[in-house]
Amino acid sequence: MFIYKPEKLFVMPRKRSIIAAAPMVDIFKQAGAQRVSDSAARALSEILMERGLEVAKDSLKYAMHAGRKTIKREDVLLARKAA
C-alpha cells in the first residue's frame, strides 16, 4: 500500500506582538474613546513595544554602568527620563 504525502507548503509566521491588543482598547477607553478599531489597538501596541524596548535597553545600560546584572526600578526611571 502506497500513501501519497504532498509536501507541506511553507507559510510565513504571523508577526505577533508581545503586548496584546485587548489591553490597548482599555487604554483608549480610559482616555475617553467609545469605540476602538482593531487596527488602532494593534498600532498602539506596536508603538508601546518600540518605546518599551528603548527604555529596556537604556535600563540595561544603567544597570551595567552601576556594575549590576539586575535591572532595578531606578534604572527604568532614569531610562524613562533620558528618553
PDB file of N, CA and C in Angstrom:
ATOM      1  N   MET A   1       0.844  -1.169   0.000  1.00  0.00           N
ATOM      2  CA  MET A   1       0.000   0.000   0.000  1.00  0.00           C
ATOM      3  C   MET A   1       0.903   1.251   0.000  1.00  0.00           C
ATOM      4  N   PHE A   2       0.624   2.173  -0.894  1.00  0.00           N
ATOM      5  CA  PHE A   2       1.404   3.398  -1.043  1.00  0.00           C
ATOM      6  C   PHE A   2       0.556   4.582  -0.596  1.00  0.00           C
ATOM      7  N   ILE A   3       1.115   5.384   0.327  1.00  0.00           N
ATOM      8  CA  ILE A   3       0.405   6.577   0.805  1.00  0.00           C
ATOM      9  C   ILE A   3       1.124   7.805   0.273  1.00  0.00           C
ATOM     10  N   TYR A   4       0.406   8.615  -0.446  1.00  0.00           N
ATOM     11  CA  TYR A   4       0.966   9.827  -1.028  1.00  0.00           C
ATOM     12  C   TYR A   4       0.884  10.953   0.000  1.00  0.00           C
ATOM     13  N   LYS A   5       2.031  11.563   0.273  1.00  0.00           N
ATOM     14  CA  LYS A   5       2.066  12.694   1.196  1.00  0.00           C
ATOM     15  C   LYS A   5       2.598  13.909   0.445  1.00  0.00           C
ATOM     16  N   PRO A   6       1.736  14.829   0.107  1.00  0.00           N
ATOM     17  CA  PRO A   6       2.208  16.034  -0.587  1.00  0.00           C
ATOM     18  C   PRO A   6       3.113  16.848   0.338  1.00  0.00           C
ATOM     19  N   GLU A   7       4.065  17.539  -0.275  1.00  0.00           N
ATOM     20  CA  GLU A   7       4.964  18.374   0.512  1.00  0.00           C
ATOM     21  C   GLU A   7       4.178  19.504   1.169  1.00  0.00           C
ATOM     22  N   LYS A   8       4.584  19.832   2.365  1.00  0.00           N
ATOM     23  CA  LYS A   8       3.908  20.911   3.088  1.00  0.00           C
ATOM     24  C   LYS A   8       4.329  22.246   2.507  1.00  0.00           C
ATOM     25  N   LEU A   9       3.380  23.128   2.380  1.00  0.00           N
ATOM     26  CA  LEU A   9       3.671  24.473   1.905  1.00  0.00           C
ATOM     27  C   LEU A   9       4.262  25.288   3.039  1.00  0.00           C
ATOM     28  N   PHE A  10       5.234  26.113   2.711  1.00  0.00           N
ATOM     29  CA  PHE A  10       5.822  26.988   3.722  1.00  0.00           C
ATOM     30  C   PHE A  10       4.913  28.197   3.899  1.00  0.00           C
ATOM     31  N   VAL A  11       4.541  28.421   5.117  1.00  0.00           N
ATOM     32  CA  VAL A  11       3.684  29.560   5.444  1.00  0.00           C
ATOM     33  C   VAL A  11       4.475  30.479   6.369  1.00  0.00           C
ATOM     34  N   MET A  12       4.542  31.744   5.985  1.00  0.00           N
ATOM     35  CA  MET A  12       5.251  32.715   6.810  1.00  0.00           C
ATOM     36  C   MET A  12       4.511  32.869   8.145  1.00  0.00           C
ATOM     37  N   PRO A  13       5.245  32.823   9.237  1.00  0.00           N
ATOM     38  CA  PRO A  13       4.576  33.002  10.527  1.00  0.00           C
ATOM     39  C   PRO A  13       4.044  34.421  10.664  1.00  0.00           C
ATOM     40  N   ARG A  14       2.934  34.535  11.345  1.00  0.00           N
ATOM     41  CA  ARG A  14       2.331  35.839  11.576  1.00  0.00           C
ATOM     42  C   ARG A  14       3.126  36.601  12.615  1.00  0.00           C
ATOM     43  N   LYS A  15       3.322  37.865  12.373  1.00  0.00           N
ATOM     44  CA  LYS A  15       4.032  38.699  13.339  1.00  0.00           C
ATOM     45  C   LYS A  15       3.089  38.970  14.506  1.00  0.00           C
ATOM     46  N   ARG A  16       3.502  38.535  15.683  1.00  0.00           N
ATOM     47  CA  ARG A  16       2.699  38.758  16.880  1.00  0.00           C
ATOM     48  C   ARG A  16       3.429  39.692  17.810  1.00  0.00           C
ATOM     49  N   SER A  17       2.678  40.564  18.406  1.00  0.00           N
ATOM     50  CA  SER A  17       3.262  41.480  19.364  1.00  0.00           C
ATOM     51  C   SER A  17       3.236  40.832  20.743  1.00  0.00           C
ATOM     52  N   ILE A  18       4.203  41.161  21.549  1.00  0.00           N
ATOM     53  CA  ILE A  18       4.223  40.668  22.923  1.00  0.00           C
ATOM     54  C   ILE A  18       3.087  41.309  23.710  1.00  0.00           C
ATOM     55  N   ILE A  19       2.776  42.543  23.370  1.00  0.00           N
ATOM     56  CA  ILE A  19       1.714  43.281  24.066  1.00  0.00           C
ATOM     57  C   ILE A  19       0.404  43.038  23.309  1.00  0.00           C
ATOM     58  N   ALA A  20      -0.560  42.458  23.995  1.00  0.00           N
ATOM     59  CA  ALA A  20      -1.845  42.127  23.374  1.00  0.00           C
ATOM     60  C   ALA A  20      -2.641  43.387  23.038  1.00  0.00           C
ATOM     61  N   ALA A  21      -3.522  43.253  22.062  1.00  0.00           N
ATOM     62  CA  ALA A  21      -4.320  44.395  21.617  1.00  0.00           C
ATOM     63  C   ALA A  21      -5.452  44.723  22.597  1.00  0.00           C
ATOM     64  N   ALA A  22      -5.969  43.725  23.301  1.00  0.00           N
ATOM     65  CA  ALA A  22      -7.108  43.957  24.202  1.00  0.00           C
ATOM     66  C   ALA A  22      -6.800  44.995  25.289  1.00  0.00           C
ATOM     67  N   PRO A  23      -5.648  44.943  25.948  1.00  0.00           N
ATOM     68  CA  PRO A  23      -5.368  45.996  26.930  1.00  0.00           C
ATOM     69  C   PRO A  23      -5.241  47.388  26.300  1.00  0.00           C
ATOM     70  N   MET A  24      -4.885  47.431  25.015  1.00  0.00           N
ATOM     71  CA  MET A  24      -4.784  48.718  24.332  1.00  0.00           C
ATOM     72  C   MET A  24      -6.166  49.348  24.206  1.00  0.00           C
ATOM     73  N   VAL A  25      -7.171  48.519  23.972  1.00  0.00           N
ATOM     74  CA  VAL A  25      -8.551  49.016  23.906  1.00  0.00           C
ATOM     75  C   VAL A  25      -8.920  49.633  25.248  1.00  0.00           C
ATOM     76  N   ASP A  26      -8.524  48.981  26.341  1.00  0.00           N
ATOM     77  CA  ASP A  26      -8.799  49.521  27.679  1.00  0.00           C
ATOM     78  C   ASP A  26      -8.134  50.881  27.869  1.00  0.00           C
ATOM     79  N   ILE A  27      -6.914  51.016  27.377  1.00  0.00           N
ATOM     80  CA  ILE A  27      -6.206  52.299  27.490  1.00  0.00           C
ATOM     81  C   ILE A  27      -6.957  53.384  26.735  1.00  0.00           C
ATOM     82  N   PHE A  28      -7.386  53.071  25.509  1.00  0.00           N
ATOM     83  CA  PHE A  28      -8.157  54.047  24.731  1.00  0.00           C
ATOM     84  C   PHE A  28      -9.448  54.417  25.459  1.00  0.00           C
ATOM     85  N   LYS A  29     -10.117  53.419  26.045  1.00  0.00           N
ATOM     86  CA  LYS A  29     -11.381  53.684  26.730  1.00  0.00           C
ATOM     87  C   LYS A  29     -11.155  54.537  27.977  1.00  0.00           C
ATOM     88  N   GLN A  30     -10.045  54.319  28.678  1.00  0.00           N
ATOM     89  CA  GLN A  30      -9.729  55.163  29.832  1.00  0.00           C
ATOM     90  C   GLN A  30      -9.458  56.597  29.400  1.00  0.00           C
ATOM     91  N   ALA A  31      -8.995  56.751  28.153  1.00  0.00           N
ATOM     92  CA  ALA A  31      -8.735  58.087  27.614  1.00  0.00           C
ATOM     93  C   ALA A  31     -10.013  58.747  27.108  1.00  0.00           C
ATOM     94  N   GLY A  32     -11.126  57.988  27.114  1.00  0.00           N
ATOM     95  CA  GLY A  32     -12.404  58.570  26.725  1.00  0.00           C
ATOM     96  C   GLY A  32     -12.995  58.065  25.426  1.00  0.00           C
ATOM     97  N   ALA A  33     -12.333  57.141  24.739  1.00  0.00           N
ATOM     98  CA  ALA A  33     -12.865  56.628  23.472  1.00  0.00           C
ATOM     99  C   ALA A  33     -14.076  55.732  23.722  1.00  0.00           C
ATOM    100  N   GLN A  34     -15.060  55.834  22.830  1.00  0.00           N
ATOM    101  CA  GLN A  34     -16.230  54.971  22.946  1.00  0.00           C
ATOM    102  C   GLN A  34     -16.021  53.669  22.171  1.00  0.00           C
ATOM    103  N   ARG A  35     -15.395  53.791  21.012  1.00  0.00           N
ATOM    104  CA  ARG A  35     -15.143  52.610  20.180  1.00  0.00           C
ATOM    105  C   ARG A  35     -13.702  52.664  19.687  1.00  0.00           C
ATOM    106  N   VAL A  36     -13.090  51.481  19.528  1.00  0.00           N
ATOM    107  CA  VAL A  36     -11.700  51.397  19.087  1.00  0.00           C
ATOM    108  C   VAL A  36     -11.585  50.288  18.055  1.00  0.00           C
ATOM    109  N   SER A  37     -10.989  50.599  16.914  1.00  0.00           N
ATOM    110  CA  SER A  37     -10.814  49.570  15.886  1.00  0.00           C
ATOM    111  C   SER A  37      -9.654  48.652  16.245  1.00  0.00           C
ATOM    112  N   ASP A  38      -9.658  47.456  15.683  1.00  0.00           N
ATOM    113  CA  ASP A  38      -8.570  46.505  15.914  1.00  0.00           C
ATOM    114  C   ASP A  38      -7.240  47.069  15.428  1.00  0.00           C
ATOM    115  N   SER A  39      -7.278  47.762  14.282  1.00  0.00           N
ATOM    116  CA  SER A  39      -6.025  48.298  13.744  1.00  0.00           C
ATOM    117  C   SER A  39      -5.454  49.392  14.650  1.00  0.00           C
ATOM    118  N   ALA A  40      -6.308  50.173  15.289  1.00  0.00           N
ATOM    119  CA  ALA A  40      -5.836  51.207  16.209  1.00  0.00           C
ATOM    120  C   ALA A  40      -5.206  50.567  17.444  1.00  0.00           C
ATOM    121  N   ALA A  41      -5.838  49.518  17.952  1.00  0.00           N
ATOM    122  CA  ALA A  41      -5.297  48.816  19.116  1.00  0.00           C
ATOM    123  C   ALA A  41      -3.951  48.181  18.783  1.00  0.00           C
ATOM    124  N   ARG A  42      -3.827  47.586  17.607  1.00  0.00           N
ATOM    125  CA  ARG A  42      -2.555  46.977  17.192  1.00  0.00           C
ATOM    126  C   ARG A  42      -1.486  48.042  16.996  1.00  0.00           C
ATOM    127  N   ALA A  43      -1.871  49.188  16.447  1.00  0.00           N
ATOM    128  CA  ALA A  43      -0.904  50.268  16.233  1.00  0.00           C
ATOM    129  C   ALA A  43      -0.357  50.781  17.567  1.00  0.00           C
ATOM    130  N   LEU A  44      -1.229  50.970  18.537  1.00  0.00           N
ATOM    131  CA  LEU A  44      -0.772  51.419  19.856  1.00  0.00           C
ATOM    132  C   LEU A  44       0.126  50.360  20.487  1.00  0.00           C
ATOM    133  N   SER A  45      -0.222  49.103  20.303  1.00  0.00           N
ATOM    134  CA  SER A  45       0.593  48.008  20.826  1.00  0.00           C
ATOM    135  C   SER A  45       2.002  48.049  20.243  1.00  0.00           C
ATOM    136  N   GLU A  46       2.103  48.279  18.941  1.00  0.00           N
ATOM    137  CA  GLU A  46       3.412  48.347  18.282  1.00  0.00           C
ATOM    138  C   GLU A  46       4.226  49.545  18.780  1.00  0.00           C
ATOM    139  N   ILE A  47       3.558  50.685  18.945  1.00  0.00           N
ATOM    140  CA  ILE A  47       4.237  51.892  19.423  1.00  0.00           C
ATOM    141  C   ILE A  47       4.774  51.672  20.836  1.00  0.00           C
ATOM    142  N   LEU A  48       3.945  51.109  21.702  1.00  0.00           N
ATOM    143  CA  LEU A  48       4.377  50.872  23.076  1.00  0.00           C
ATOM    144  C   LEU A  48       5.490  49.831  23.140  1.00  0.00           C
ATOM    145  N   MET A  49       5.448  48.854  22.244  1.00  0.00           N
ATOM    146  CA  MET A  49       6.510  47.847  22.193  1.00  0.00           C
ATOM    147  C   MET A  49       7.843  48.491  21.802  1.00  0.00           C
ATOM    148  N   GLU A  50       7.816  49.351  20.790  1.00  0.00           N
ATOM    149  CA  GLU A  50       9.036  50.040  20.360  1.00  0.00           C
ATOM    150  C   GLU A  50       9.582  50.918  21.480  1.00  0.00           C
ATOM    151  N   ARG A  51       8.722  51.686  22.101  1.00  0.00           N
ATOM    152  CA  ARG A  51       9.137  52.585  23.188  1.00  0.00           C
ATOM    153  C   ARG A  51       9.631  51.783  24.384  1.00  0.00           C
ATOM    154  N   GLY A  52       8.941  50.710  24.700  1.00  0.00           N
ATOM    155  CA  GLY A  52       9.337  49.865  25.818  1.00  0.00           C
ATOM    156  C   GLY A  52      10.696  49.225  25.603  1.00  0.00           C
ATOM    157  N   LEU A  53      10.967  48.831  24.368  1.00  0.00           N
ATOM    158  CA  LEU A  53      12.265  48.235  24.049  1.00  0.00           C
ATOM    159  C   LEU A  53      13.384  49.255  24.215  1.00  0.00           C
ATOM    160  N   GLU A  54      13.142  50.493  23.817  1.00  0.00           N
ATOM    161  CA  GLU A  54      14.130  51.561  24.001  1.00  0.00           C
ATOM    162  C   GLU A  54      14.428  51.768  25.486  1.00  0.00           C
ATOM    163  N   VAL A  55      13.395  51.836  26.295  1.00  0.00           N
ATOM    164  CA  VAL A  55      13.573  52.039  27.735  1.00  0.00           C
ATOM    165  C   VAL A  55      14.285  50.829  28.349  1.00  0.00           C
ATOM    166  N   ALA A  56      13.941  49.630  27.908  1.00  0.00           N
ATOM    167  CA  ALA A  56      14.582  48.424  28.439  1.00  0.00           C
ATOM    168  C   ALA A  56      16.075  48.403  28.115  1.00  0.00           C
ATOM    169  N   LYS A  57      16.440  48.769  26.890  1.00  0.00           N
ATOM    170  CA  LYS A  57      17.860  48.800  26.512  1.00  0.00           C
ATOM    171  C   LYS A  57      18.622  49.834  27.331  1.00  0.00           C
ATOM    172  N   ASP A  58      18.036  51.019  27.499  1.00  0.00           N
ATOM    173  CA  ASP A  58      18.687  52.057  28.294  1.00  0.00           C
ATOM    174  C   ASP A  58      18.787  51.640  29.759  1.00  0.00           C
ATOM    175  N   SER A  59      17.766  50.962  30.275  1.00  0.00           N
ATOM    176  CA  SER A  59      17.786  50.477  31.656  1.00  0.00           C
ATOM    177  C   SER A  59      18.936  49.498  31.861  1.00  0.00           C
ATOM    178  N   LEU A  60      19.142  48.641  30.884  1.00  0.00           N
ATOM    179  CA  LEU A  60      20.242  47.681  30.953  1.00  0.00           C
ATOM    180  C   LEU A  60      21.587  48.404  30.995  1.00  0.00           C
ATOM    181  N   LYS A  61      21.714  49.460  30.198  1.00  0.00           N
ATOM    182  CA  LYS A  61      22.962  50.237  30.198  1.00  0.00           C
ATOM    183  C   LYS A  61      23.226  50.839  31.575  1.00  0.00           C
ATOM    184  N   TYR A  62      22.178  51.395  32.218  1.00  0.00           N
ATOM    185  CA  TYR A  62      22.341  51.984  33.543  1.00  0.00           C
ATOM    186  C   TYR A  62      22.726  50.927  34.574  1.00  0.00           C
ATOM    187  N   ALA A  63      22.101  49.758  34.510  1.00  0.00           N
ATOM    188  CA  ALA A  63      22.423  48.686  35.452  1.00  0.00           C
ATOM    189  C   ALA A  63      23.861  48.220  35.267  1.00  0.00           C
ATOM    190  N   MET A  64      24.289  48.049  34.020  1.00  0.00           N
ATOM    191  CA  MET A  64      25.649  47.596  33.750  1.00  0.00           C
ATOM    192  C   MET A  64      26.663  48.658  34.194  1.00  0.00           C
ATOM    193  N   HIS A  65      26.326  49.919  33.993  1.00  0.00           N
ATOM    194  CA  HIS A  65      27.208  51.006  34.417  1.00  0.00           C
ATOM    195  C   HIS A  65      27.398  50.984  35.938  1.00  0.00           C
ATOM    196  N   ALA A  66      26.347  50.588  36.652  1.00  0.00           N
ATOM    197  CA  ALA A  66      26.409  50.516  38.113  1.00  0.00           C
ATOM    198  C   ALA A  66      27.055  49.208  38.582  1.00  0.00           C
ATOM    199  N   GLY A  67      27.468  48.370  37.638  1.00  0.00           N
ATOM    200  CA  GLY A  67      28.127  47.118  37.995  1.00  0.00           C
ATOM    201  C   GLY A  67      27.164  46.012  38.390  1.00  0.00           C
ATOM    202  N   ARG A  68      25.922  46.112  37.927  1.00  0.00           N
ATOM    203  CA  ARG A  68      24.910  45.105  38.247  1.00  0.00           C
ATOM    204  C   ARG A  68      24.431  44.387  36.991  1.00  0.00           C
ATOM    205  N   LYS A  69      23.975  43.153  37.195  1.00  0.00           N
ATOM    206  CA  LYS A  69      23.331  42.405  36.113  1.00  0.00           C
ATOM    207  C   LYS A  69      21.814  42.551  36.209  1.00  0.00           C
ATOM    208  N   THR A  70      21.342  42.919  37.384  1.00  0.00           N
ATOM    209  CA  THR A  70      19.909  43.048  37.637  1.00  0.00           C
ATOM    210  C   THR A  70      19.459  44.474  37.360  1.00  0.00           C
ATOM    211  N   ILE A  71      18.411  44.604  36.564  1.00  0.00           N
ATOM    212  CA  ILE A  71      17.829  45.926  36.295  1.00  0.00           C
ATOM    213  C   ILE A  71      16.876  46.256  37.430  1.00  0.00           C
ATOM    214  N   LYS A  72      17.083  47.404  38.041  1.00  0.00           N
ATOM    215  CA  LYS A  72      16.243  47.833  39.158  1.00  0.00           C
ATOM    216  C   LYS A  72      15.312  48.958  38.720  1.00  0.00           C
ATOM    217  N   ARG A  73      14.366  49.255  39.599  1.00  0.00           N
ATOM    218  CA  ARG A  73      13.362  50.278  39.326  1.00  0.00           C
ATOM    219  C   ARG A  73      14.008  51.614  38.973  1.00  0.00           C
ATOM    220  N   GLU A  74      15.047  51.998  39.711  1.00  0.00           N
ATOM    221  CA  GLU A  74      15.671  53.294  39.455  1.00  0.00           C
ATOM    222  C   GLU A  74      16.316  53.349  38.069  1.00  0.00           C
ATOM    223  N   ASP A  75      16.774  52.200  37.557  1.00  0.00           N
ATOM    224  CA  ASP A  75      17.338  52.162  36.199  1.00  0.00           C
ATOM    225  C   ASP A  75      16.258  52.484  35.176  1.00  0.00           C
ATOM    226  N   VAL A  76      15.084  51.914  35.377  1.00  0.00           N
ATOM    227  CA  VAL A  76      13.964  52.138  34.459  1.00  0.00           C
ATOM    228  C   VAL A  76      13.516  53.596  34.520  1.00  0.00           C
ATOM    229  N   LEU A  77      13.458  54.152  35.729  1.00  0.00           N
ATOM    230  CA  LEU A  77      13.037  55.540  35.874  1.00  0.00           C
ATOM    231  C   LEU A  77      14.051  56.492  35.237  1.00  0.00           C
ATOM    232  N   LEU A  78      15.337  56.201  35.393  1.00  0.00           N
ATOM    233  CA  LEU A  78      16.370  57.021  34.743  1.00  0.00           C
ATOM    234  C   LEU A  78      16.267  56.918  33.226  1.00  0.00           C
ATOM    235  N   ALA A  79      16.034  55.699  32.733  1.00  0.00           N
ATOM    236  CA  ALA A  79      15.934  55.496  31.291  1.00  0.00           C
ATOM    237  C   ALA A  79      14.722  56.233  30.726  1.00  0.00           C
ATOM    238  N   ARG A  80      13.646  56.250  31.495  1.00  0.00           N
ATOM    239  CA  ARG A  80      12.440  56.958  31.034  1.00  0.00           C
ATOM    240  C   ARG A  80      12.692  58.451  30.938  1.00  0.00           C
ATOM    241  N   LYS A  81      13.400  58.996  31.924  1.00  0.00           N
ATOM    242  CA  LYS A  81      13.697  60.434  31.902  1.00  0.00           C
ATOM    243  C   LYS A  81      14.645  60.802  30.779  1.00  0.00           C
ATOM    244  N   ALA A  82      15.584  59.926  30.484  1.00  0.00           N
ATOM    245  CA  ALA A  82      16.597  60.208  29.470  1.00  0.00           C
ATOM    246  C   ALA A  82      16.010  60.191  28.059  1.00  0.00           C
ATOM    247  N   ALA A  83      14.986  59.402  27.851  1.00  0.00           N
ATOM    248  CA  ALA A  83      14.432  59.265  26.500  1.00  0.00           C
ATOM    249  C   ALA A  83      13.390  60.273  26.174  1.00  0.00           C
TER     250      ALA A  83
END
